């Protein structure tokens, strides 16, 4: 049986970036999903982007980043 910490490491995340191909991409860590959005533009989010986490209930929205958001204003940058 896996521990909660081990299960958390296996949780997939989905980044959705409309101008990227493929538009939807699975990441095995939240950090990689966030980095995909953080590096998708030149200092600003060029499109509205989202990050979802897969749970037992299906995909749940974690972050919804509006178009034109400055990287310094990304939700996970503000959490610190």
Protein backbone atom coordinates (compact mmCIF):
# COMPACT_ATOMS: atom_id res chain seq x y z
CA UNK A 1 0.00 0.00 0.00
CA UNK A 2 1.32 3.45 -0.91
CA UNK A 3 1.56 6.19 1.68
CA UNK A 4 -0.20 9.53 1.18
CA UNK A 5 3.17 11.16 0.41
CA UNK A 6 3.88 8.54 -2.27
CA UNK A 7 0.41 8.95 -3.78
CA UNK A 8 0.81 12.73 -3.89
CA UNK A 9 3.96 12.29 -5.98
CA UNK A 10 1.94 10.25 -8.49
CA UNK A 11 -0.83 12.83 -8.92
CA UNK A 12 -0.92 14.05 -12.51
CA UNK A 13 -1.49 17.69 -13.38
CA UNK A 14 -2.79 19.12 -16.64
CA UNK A 15 -1.70 22.45 -18.09
CA UNK A 16 -3.87 24.06 -20.76
CA UNK A 17 -2.16 26.72 -22.87
CA UNK A 18 -4.23 27.53 -25.99
CA UNK A 19 -1.34 28.67 -28.23
CA UNK A 20 0.89 25.71 -27.34
CA UNK A 21 0.87 22.51 -29.36
CA UNK A 22 -0.32 20.28 -27.85
CA UNK A 23 -2.75 22.61 -26.11
CA UNK A 24 -3.18 20.18 -23.18
CA UNK A 25 -0.22 18.51 -21.54
CA UNK A 26 0.06 16.14 -18.57
CA UNK A 27 2.77 16.77 -15.96
CA UNK A 28 3.72 14.50 -13.07
CA UNK A 29 4.47 17.40 -10.71
CA UNK A 30 2.68 20.64 -9.92
CA UNK A 31 6.00 22.46 -10.36
CA UNK A 32 6.30 21.30 -13.96
CA UNK A 33 2.72 22.35 -14.73
CA UNK A 34 3.34 25.79 -13.21
CA UNK A 35 6.63 26.13 -15.09
CA UNK A 36 4.83 25.43 -18.37
CA UNK A 37 2.67 28.50 -17.79
CA UNK A 38 5.50 30.58 -16.33
CA UNK A 39 7.57 30.10 -19.49
CA UNK A 40 4.72 30.34 -22.03
CA UNK A 41 5.05 34.08 -22.71
CA UNK A 42 7.50 36.92 -22.49
CA UNK A 43 6.86 38.27 -19.01
CA UNK A 44 3.08 37.94 -19.38
CA UNK A 45 0.60 35.15 -19.91
CA UNK A 46 -0.33 35.64 -23.56
CA UNK A 47 -3.55 33.63 -23.24
CA UNK A 48 -5.82 32.51 -20.48
CA UNK A 49 -4.17 29.35 -19.07
CA UNK A 50 -5.31 26.74 -16.59
CA UNK A 51 -3.82 24.05 -14.36
CA UNK A 52 -5.91 21.08 -13.28
CA UNK A 53 -5.17 18.37 -10.72
CA UNK A 54 -6.50 14.86 -11.14
CA UNK A 55 -8.42 13.64 -8.09
CA UNK A 56 -10.72 10.72 -7.37
CA UNK A 57 -13.54 12.99 -8.60
CA UNK A 58 -11.79 13.72 -11.91
CA UNK A 59 -9.98 16.85 -13.07
CA UNK A 60 -10.26 19.79 -10.63
CA UNK A 61 -9.23 23.34 -11.54
CA UNK A 62 -6.31 24.57 -9.39
CA UNK A 63 -5.29 27.76 -11.16
CA UNK A 64 -7.09 29.88 -13.74
CA UNK A 65 -4.72 32.50 -15.12
CA UNK A 66 -6.41 35.32 -17.07
CA UNK A 67 -4.94 36.57 -20.34
CA UNK A 68 -2.26 39.21 -19.83
CA UNK A 69 -1.39 38.27 -16.23
CA UNK A 70 2.14 39.39 -15.32
CA UNK A 71 4.36 36.53 -14.18
CA UNK A 72 4.88 38.27 -10.85
CA UNK A 73 1.08 38.14 -10.39
CA UNK A 74 0.68 34.40 -11.03
CA UNK A 75 -1.39 32.78 -8.24
CA UNK A 76 1.48 30.61 -6.97
CA UNK A 77 3.85 33.58 -6.88
CA UNK A 78 1.36 35.43 -4.66
CA UNK A 79 1.06 32.42 -2.27
CA UNK A 80 4.63 32.90 -1.04
